[in-house]
C-alpha atoms as a PDB file:
ATOM      1  CA  UNK A   1       0.000   0.000   0.000  1.00  0.00           C
ATOM      2  CA  UNK A   2       2.774   2.415   0.934  1.00  0.00           C
ATOM      3  CA  UNK A   3       4.748   1.709  -2.260  1.00  0.00           C
ATOM      4  CA  UNK A   4       1.551   1.951  -4.338  1.00  0.00           C
ATOM      5  CA  UNK A   5       0.950   5.387  -2.871  1.00  0.00           C
ATOM      6  CA  UNK A   6       4.484   6.464  -3.839  1.00  0.00           C
ATOM      7  CA  UNK A   7       4.007   5.055  -7.333  1.00  0.00           C
ATOM      8  CA  UNK A   8       0.740   6.922  -7.816  1.00  0.00           C
ATOM      9  CA  UNK A   9       2.368  10.149  -6.655  1.00  0.00           C
ATOM     10  CA  UNK A  10       5.268   9.736  -9.065  1.00  0.00           C
ATOM     11  CA  UNK A  11       2.960   8.984 -11.984  1.00  0.00           C
ATOM     12  CA  UNK A  12       0.775  11.989 -11.217  1.00  0.00           C
ATOM     13  CA  UNK A  13       1.415  15.227 -13.105  1.00  0.00           C
ATOM     14  CA  UNK A  14       4.446  16.786 -11.466  1.00  0.00           C
ATOM     15  CA  UNK A  15       5.862  20.297 -11.782  1.00  0.00           C
ATOM     16  CA  UNK A  16       8.407  20.981 -14.502  1.00  0.00           C
ATOM     17  CA  UNK A  17      11.121  21.324 -11.850  1.00  0.00           C
ATOM     18  CA  UNK A  18      11.314  21.332  -8.058  1.00  0.00           C
ATOM     19  CA  UNK A  19      10.245  24.796  -6.963  1.00  0.00           C
ATOM     20  CA  UNK A  20       8.122  25.683  -9.990  1.00  0.00           C
ATOM     21  CA  UNK A  21       5.069  26.274  -7.785  1.00  0.00           C
ATOM     22  CA  UNK A  22       6.804  29.057  -5.857  1.00  0.00           C
ATOM     23  CA  UNK A  23       8.883  30.492  -8.717  1.00  0.00           C
ATOM     24  CA  UNK A  24       7.899  33.675 -10.512  1.00  0.00           C
ATOM     25  CA  UNK A  25       6.329  32.411 -13.756  1.00  0.00           C
ATOM     26  CA  UNK A  26       6.491  34.576 -16.850  1.00  0.00           C
ATOM     27  CA  UNK A  27       5.603  34.148 -20.517  1.00  0.00           C
ATOM     28  CA  UNK A  28       7.056  35.958 -23.514  1.00  0.00           C
ATOM     29  CA  UNK A  29       6.201  36.110 -27.187  1.00  0.00           C
ATOM     30  CA  UNK A  30       8.742  36.177 -30.010  1.00  0.00           C
ATOM     31  CA  UNK A  31       6.769  38.188 -32.595  1.00  0.00           C
ATOM     32  CA  UNK A  32       7.475  37.611 -36.286  1.00  0.00           C
ATOM     33  CA  UNK A  33       6.377  40.421 -38.604  1.00  0.00           C
ATOM     34  CA  UNK A  34       6.757  41.002 -42.313  1.00  0.00           C
ATOM     35  CA  UNK A  35       8.627  44.124 -43.397  1.00  0.00           C
ATOM     36  CA  UNK A  36       8.853  44.728 -47.147  1.00  0.00           C
ATOM     37  CA  UNK A  37       8.153  41.051 -47.794  1.00  0.00           C
ATOM     38  CA  UNK A  38      10.872  39.819 -45.395  1.00  0.00           C
ATOM     39  CA  UNK A  39      10.374  38.201 -41.996  1.00  0.00           C
ATOM     40  CA  UNK A  40      11.662  40.199 -39.022  1.00  0.00           C
ATOM     41  CA  UNK A  41      11.680  39.669 -35.260  1.00  0.00           C
ATOM     42  CA  UNK A  42      10.032  42.517 -33.345  1.00  0.00           C
ATOM     43  CA  UNK A  43      11.517  43.837 -30.097  1.00  0.00           C
ATOM     44  CA  UNK A  44      10.436  46.320 -27.459  1.00  0.00           C
ATOM     45  CA  UNK A  45      12.541  48.938 -25.699  1.00  0.00           C
ATOM     46  CA  UNK A  46      11.278  49.061 -22.129  1.00  0.00           C
ATOM     47  CA  UNK A  47       9.951  52.423 -20.970  1.00  0.00           C
ATOM     48  CA  UNK A  48      12.585  54.682 -19.426  1.00  0.00           C
ATOM     49  CA  UNK A  49      10.211  55.344 -16.515  1.00  0.00           C
ATOM     50  CA  UNK A  50       9.900  51.699 -15.463  1.00  0.00           C
ATOM     51  CA  UNK A  51      11.213  50.737 -12.037  1.00  0.00           C
ATOM     52  CA  UNK A  52      12.898  47.553 -13.275  1.00  0.00           C
ATOM     53  CA  UNK A  53      15.273  47.423 -16.249  1.00  0.00           C
ATOM     54  CA  UNK A  54      14.292  50.738 -17.893  1.00  0.00           C
ATOM     55  CA  UNK A  55      15.596  51.035 -21.447  1.00  0.00           C
ATOM     56  CA  UNK A  56      16.418  47.327 -21.770  1.00  0.00           C
ATOM     57  CA  UNK A  57      15.339  45.456 -24.893  1.00  0.00           C
ATOM     58  CA  UNK A  58      12.794  42.694 -24.435  1.00  0.00           C
ATOM     59  CA  UNK A  59      10.085  40.624 -26.045  1.00  0.00           C
ATOM     60  CA  UNK A  60       6.436  41.325 -25.231  1.00  0.00           C
ATOM     61  CA  UNK A  61       5.479  39.412 -22.104  1.00  0.00           C
ATOM     62  CA  UNK A  62       5.382  39.377 -18.356  1.00  0.00           C
ATOM     63  CA  UNK A  63       4.143  37.631 -15.243  1.00  0.00           C
ATOM     64  CA  UNK A  64       1.558  34.867 -15.618  1.00  0.00           C
ATOM     65  CA  UNK A  65      -1.561  35.922 -13.698  1.00  0.00           C
ATOM     66  CA  UNK A  66      -3.912  33.594 -11.847  1.00  0.00           C
ATOM     67  CA  UNK A  67      -6.604  34.615 -14.340  1.00  0.00           C
ATOM     68  CA  UNK A  68      -4.542  33.361 -17.315  1.00  0.00           C
ATOM     69  CA  UNK A  69      -5.709  29.969 -18.533  1.00  0.00           C
ATOM     70  CA  UNK A  70      -2.186  29.015 -19.612  1.00  0.00           C
ATOM     71  CA  UNK A  71       1.290  30.483 -20.180  1.00  0.00           C
ATOM     72  CA  UNK A  72       0.363  30.956 -23.849  1.00  0.00           C
ATOM     73  CA  UNK A  73      -2.696  32.984 -22.888  1.00  0.00           C
ATOM     74  CA  UNK A  74      -0.479  35.133 -20.676  1.00  0.00           C
ATOM     75  CA  UNK A  75       1.940  35.786 -23.560  1.00  0.00           C
ATOM     76  CA  UNK A  76      -0.937  36.768 -25.847  1.00  0.00           C
ATOM     77  CA  UNK A  77      -2.527  38.992 -23.193  1.00  0.00           C
ATOM     78  CA  UNK A  78       0.736  40.786 -22.458  1.00  0.00           C
ATOM     79  CA  UNK A  79       1.388  41.333 -26.168  1.00  0.00           C
ATOM     80  CA  UNK A  80      -2.081  42.806 -26.571  1.00  0.00           C
ATOM     81  CA  UNK A  81      -1.605  45.088 -23.562  1.00  0.00           C
ATOM     82  CA  UNK A  82       1.869  46.297 -24.541  1.00  0.00           C
ATOM     83  CA  UNK A  83       1.471  46.697 -28.318  1.00  0.00           C
ATOM     84  CA  UNK A  84      -2.224  47.511 -28.536  1.00  0.00           C
ATOM     85  CA  UNK A  85      -2.736  44.736 -31.092  1.00  0.00           C
ATOM     86  CA  UNK A  86      -5.954  42.753 -31.112  1.00  0.00           C
ATOM     87  CA  UNK A  87      -5.542  39.136 -30.033  1.00  0.00           C
ATOM     88  CA  UNK A  88      -7.154  37.997 -33.305  1.00  0.00           C
ATOM     89  CA  UNK A  89      -4.044  39.302 -35.094  1.00  0.00           C
ATOM     90  CA  UNK A  90      -1.673  37.185 -32.969  1.00  0.00           C
ATOM     91  CA  UNK A  91      -1.140  33.701 -34.435  1.00  0.00           C
ATOM     92  CA  UNK A  92       0.929  31.383 -32.244  1.00  0.00           C
ATOM     93  CA  UNK A  93       3.149  28.974 -34.182  1.00  0.00           C
ATOM     94  CA  UNK A  94       4.359  27.002 -31.175  1.00  0.00           C
ATOM     95  CA  UNK A  95       6.155  26.932 -27.850  1.00  0.00           C
ATOM     96  CA  UNK A  96       9.913  26.805 -27.328  1.00  0.00           C
ATOM     97  CA  UNK A  97      11.812  25.107 -24.517  1.00  0.00           C
ATOM     98  CA  UNK A  98      11.141  26.590 -21.106  1.00  0.00           C
ATOM     99  CA  UNK A  99      13.956  28.842 -19.851  1.00  0.00           C
ATOM    100  CA  UNK A 100      14.915  28.566 -16.161  1.00  0.00           C
ATOM    101  CA  UNK A 101      17.522  31.277 -15.476  1.00  0.00           C
ATOM    102  CA  UNK A 102      17.268  30.772 -11.696  1.00  0.00           C
ATOM    103  CA  UNK A 103      15.304  28.521  -9.352  1.00  0.00           C
ATOM    104  CA  UNK A 104      13.043  31.488  -8.587  1.00  0.00           C
ATOM    105  CA  UNK A 105      12.175  32.355 -12.208  1.00  0.00           C
ATOM    106  CA  UNK A 106      10.807  30.302 -15.082  1.00  0.00           C
ATOM    107  CA  UNK A 107      10.013  31.754 -18.520  1.00  0.00           C
ATOM    108  CA  UNK A 108       7.730  30.137 -21.098  1.00  0.00           C
ATOM    109  CA  UNK A 109       8.579  31.442 -24.631  1.00  0.00           C
ATOM    110  CA  UNK A 110       6.179  31.274 -27.578  1.00  0.00           C
ATOM    111  CA  UNK A 111       6.658  32.161 -31.244  1.00  0.00           C
ATOM    112  CA  UNK A 112       3.878  33.924 -33.145  1.00  0.00           C
ATOM    113  CA  UNK A 113       3.244  35.958 -36.253  1.00  0.00           C
ATOM    114  CA  UNK A 114       1.581  39.318 -35.809  1.00  0.00           C
ATOM    115  CA  UNK A 115       0.291  41.820 -38.321  1.00  0.00           C
ATOM    116  CA  UNK A 116       2.618  44.797 -38.046  1.00  0.00           C
ATOM    117  CA  UNK A 117      -0.035  47.089 -39.504  1.00  0.00           C
ATOM    118  CA  UNK A 118      -2.374  46.377 -36.598  1.00  0.00           C
ATOM    119  CA  UNK A 119      -0.046  47.739 -33.918  1.00  0.00           C
ATOM    120  CA  UNK A 120      -2.047  50.874 -33.207  1.00  0.00           C
ATOM    121  CA  UNK A 121      -0.844  52.237 -29.898  1.00  0.00           C
ATOM    122  CA  UNK A 122       2.060  51.310 -27.640  1.00  0.00           C
ATOM    123  CA  UNK A 123       1.513  51.234 -23.897  1.00  0.00           C
ATOM    124  CA  UNK A 124       3.942  54.040 -23.089  1.00  0.00           C
ATOM    125  CA  UNK A 125       3.994  53.061 -19.411  1.00  0.00           C
ATOM    126  CA  UNK A 126       5.822  49.897 -20.474  1.00  0.00           C
ATOM    127  CA  UNK A 127       7.138  50.391 -24.013  1.00  0.00           C
ATOM    128  CA  UNK A 128       9.380  53.250 -25.127  1.00  0.00           C
ATOM    129  CA  UNK A 129       9.583  52.130 -28.753  1.00  0.00           C
ATOM    130  CA  UNK A 130       9.633  49.062 -30.978  1.00  0.00           C
ATOM    131  CA  UNK A 131      12.027  47.981 -33.715  1.00  0.00           C
ATOM    132  CA  UNK A 132      12.641  44.907 -35.858  1.00  0.00           C
ATOM    133  CA  UNK A 133      15.633  42.861 -36.989  1.00  0.00           C
ATOM    134  CA  UNK A 134      15.534  40.702 -40.153  1.00  0.00           C
ATOM    135  CA  UNK A 135      15.564  36.976 -39.405  1.00  0.00           C
ATOM    136  CA  UNK A 136      18.180  36.525 -42.151  1.00  0.00           C
ATOM    137  CA  UNK A 137      20.475  38.990 -40.370  1.00  0.00           C
ATOM    138  CA  UNK A 138      20.116  37.038 -37.132  1.00  0.00           C
ATOM    139  CA  UNK A 139      20.883  33.796 -38.964  1.00  0.00           C
ATOM    140  CA  UNK A 140      24.071  35.276 -40.412  1.00  0.00           C
ATOM    141  CA  UNK A 141      25.413  37.142 -37.348  1.00  0.00           C
ATOM    142  CA  UNK A 142      26.438  35.118 -34.315  1.00  0.00           C
ATOM    143  CA  UNK A 143      26.167  36.717 -30.873  1.00  0.00           C
ATOM    144  CA  UNK A 144      29.188  37.148 -28.624  1.00  0.00           C
ATOM    145  CA  UNK A 145      29.438  36.067 -25.002  1.00  0.00           C
ATOM    146  CA  UNK A 146      30.843  37.444 -21.731  1.00  0.00           C
ATOM    147  CA  UNK A 147      31.273  35.236 -18.674  1.00  0.00           C
ATOM    148  CA  UNK A 148      30.049  36.583 -15.313  1.00  0.00           C
ATOM    149  CA  UNK A 149      31.335  34.767 -12.180  1.00  0.00           C
ATOM    150  CA  UNK A 150      28.803  34.449  -9.360  1.00  0.00           C
ATOM    151  CA  UNK A 151      29.900  33.663  -5.801  1.00  0.00           C
ATOM    152  CA  UNK A 152      27.392  32.691  -3.054  1.00  0.00           C
ATOM    153  CA  UNK A 153      27.364  35.170  -0.155  1.00  0.00           C
ATOM    154  CA  UNK A 154      25.533  33.741   2.904  1.00  0.00           C
ATOM    155  CA  UNK A 155      23.991  36.253   5.281  1.00  0.00           C
ATOM    156  CA  UNK A 156      25.390  36.848   8.766  1.00  0.00           C
ATOM    157  CA  UNK A 157      22.805  34.588  10.416  1.00  0.00           C
ATOM    158  CA  UNK A 158      23.691  31.548   8.287  1.00  0.00           C
ATOM    159  CA  UNK A 159      23.917  28.480  10.645  1.00  0.00           C
ATOM    160  CA  UNK A 160      27.530  27.500   9.953  1.00  0.00           C
ATOM    161  CA  UNK A 161      27.557  25.439  13.151  1.00  0.00           C
ATOM    162  CA  UNK A 162      25.131  22.956  11.553  1.00  0.00           C
ATOM    163  CA  UNK A 163      27.212  22.126   8.456  1.00  0.00           C
ATOM    164  CA  UNK A 164      30.471  20.280   7.924  1.00  0.00           C
ATOM    165  CA  UNK A 165      33.552  22.538   7.975  1.00  0.00           C
ATOM    166  CA  UNK A 166      31.522  25.453   9.333  1.00  0.00           C
ATOM    167  CA  UNK A 167      32.823  28.837   8.231  1.00  0.00           C
ATOM    168  CA  UNK A 168      35.506  27.067   6.185  1.00  0.00           C
ATOM    169  CA  UNK A 169      32.888  25.480   3.951  1.00  0.00           C
ATOM    170  CA  UNK A 170      33.952  25.773   0.306  1.00  0.00           C
ATOM    171  CA  UNK A 171      31.047  27.358  -1.539  1.00  0.00           C
ATOM    172  CA  UNK A 172      30.841  26.506  -5.211  1.00  0.00           C
ATOM    173  CA  UNK A 173      30.954  29.507  -7.476  1.00  0.00           C
ATOM    174  CA  UNK A 174      29.334  29.412 -10.904  1.00  0.00           C
ATOM    175  CA  UNK A 175      29.642  31.318 -14.127  1.00  0.00           C
ATOM    176  CA  UNK A 176      26.764  32.921 -16.013  1.00  0.00           C
ATOM    177  CA  UNK A 177      26.929  33.238 -19.797  1.00  0.00           C
ATOM    178  CA  UNK A 178      25.717  36.650 -20.949  1.00  0.00           C
ATOM    179  CA  UNK A 179      25.116  36.757 -24.702  1.00  0.00           C
ATOM    180  CA  UNK A 180      25.009  39.945 -26.760  1.00  0.00           C
ATOM    181  CA  UNK A 181      23.635  40.934 -30.172  1.00  0.00           C
ATOM    182  CA  UNK A 182      24.577  44.365 -31.562  1.00  0.00           C
ATOM    183  CA  UNK A 183      22.255  45.656 -34.275  1.00  0.00           C
ATOM    184  CA  UNK A 184      22.541  49.283 -35.398  1.00  0.00           C
ATOM    185  CA  UNK A 185      22.127  51.381 -32.222  1.00  0.00           C
ATOM    186  CA  UNK A 186      20.561  48.530 -30.239  1.00  0.00           C
ATOM    187  CA  UNK A 187      22.174  45.944 -27.960  1.00  0.00           C
ATOM    188  CA  UNK A 188      20.172  42.873 -26.992  1.00  0.00           C
ATOM    189  CA  UNK A 189      21.459  40.962 -24.000  1.00  0.00           C
ATOM    190  CA  UNK A 190      20.383  39.094 -20.879  1.00  0.00           C
ATOM    191  CA  UNK A 191      17.307  36.887 -20.830  1.00  0.00           C
ATOM    192  CA  UNK A 192      16.090  38.224 -24.192  1.00  0.00           C
ATOM    193  CA  UNK A 193      19.372  37.366 -25.909  1.00  0.00           C
ATOM    194  CA  UNK A 194      19.377  33.840 -24.451  1.00  0.00           C
ATOM    195  CA  UNK A 195      15.861  33.147 -25.709  1.00  0.00           C
ATOM    196  CA  UNK A 196      16.616  34.776 -29.073  1.00  0.00           C
ATOM    197  CA  UNK A 197      19.777  32.682 -29.460  1.00  0.00           C
ATOM    198  CA  UNK A 198      17.846  29.478 -28.796  1.00  0.00           C
ATOM    199  CA  UNK A 199      15.152  30.493 -31.287  1.00  0.00           C
ATOM    200  CA  UNK A 200      17.698  31.175 -34.029  1.00  0.00           C
ATOM    201  CA  UNK A 201      19.490  27.884 -33.341  1.00  0.00           C
ATOM    202  CA  UNK A 202      16.133  26.089 -33.523  1.00  0.00           C
ATOM    203  CA  UNK A 203      15.235  27.427 -36.966  1.00  0.00           C
ATOM    204  CA  UNK A 204      18.778  27.427 -38.447  1.00  0.00           C
END
């Protein structure tokens, strides 16, 4: 009986990773638009008045709300709110691999075509401007990478007396890859660059 209970629990739908239930869940949309008969990827420049990451380049998207039926619905809703485009003009092609930059954040990326002519009004509280980059340019120009070392820094109340080696414990450092794309006056980096890089590798 006990082992049957364990088996049933393991076969039940489980979270994508341990901690997903408490992580901040976000969804983004990689919008494909046609410009002069050529496919481009559309990007946003975050409003300069935003509290977090003002002026950074991002895809449409944001936190998944409890009212969203799914991550995809959240990506569509956020795109509608930020670009002022009707949801009927957003056509999702599919979902990419989930991106887990930290144990406290999980991002669900989707790829969709949108009608560039139906972007009527940007939400200026969130979006400073939009621009596009040709897909062919992205296929031909590889991003460059910078490595960022990260060292754990326990707080003063960390219970060293409960772990082996106490204050002499050797914490493992790690290195974060930060990828960069430079296009005209724009630099795409961080989470957006990582997702963009994976998208380009997927379609190459």
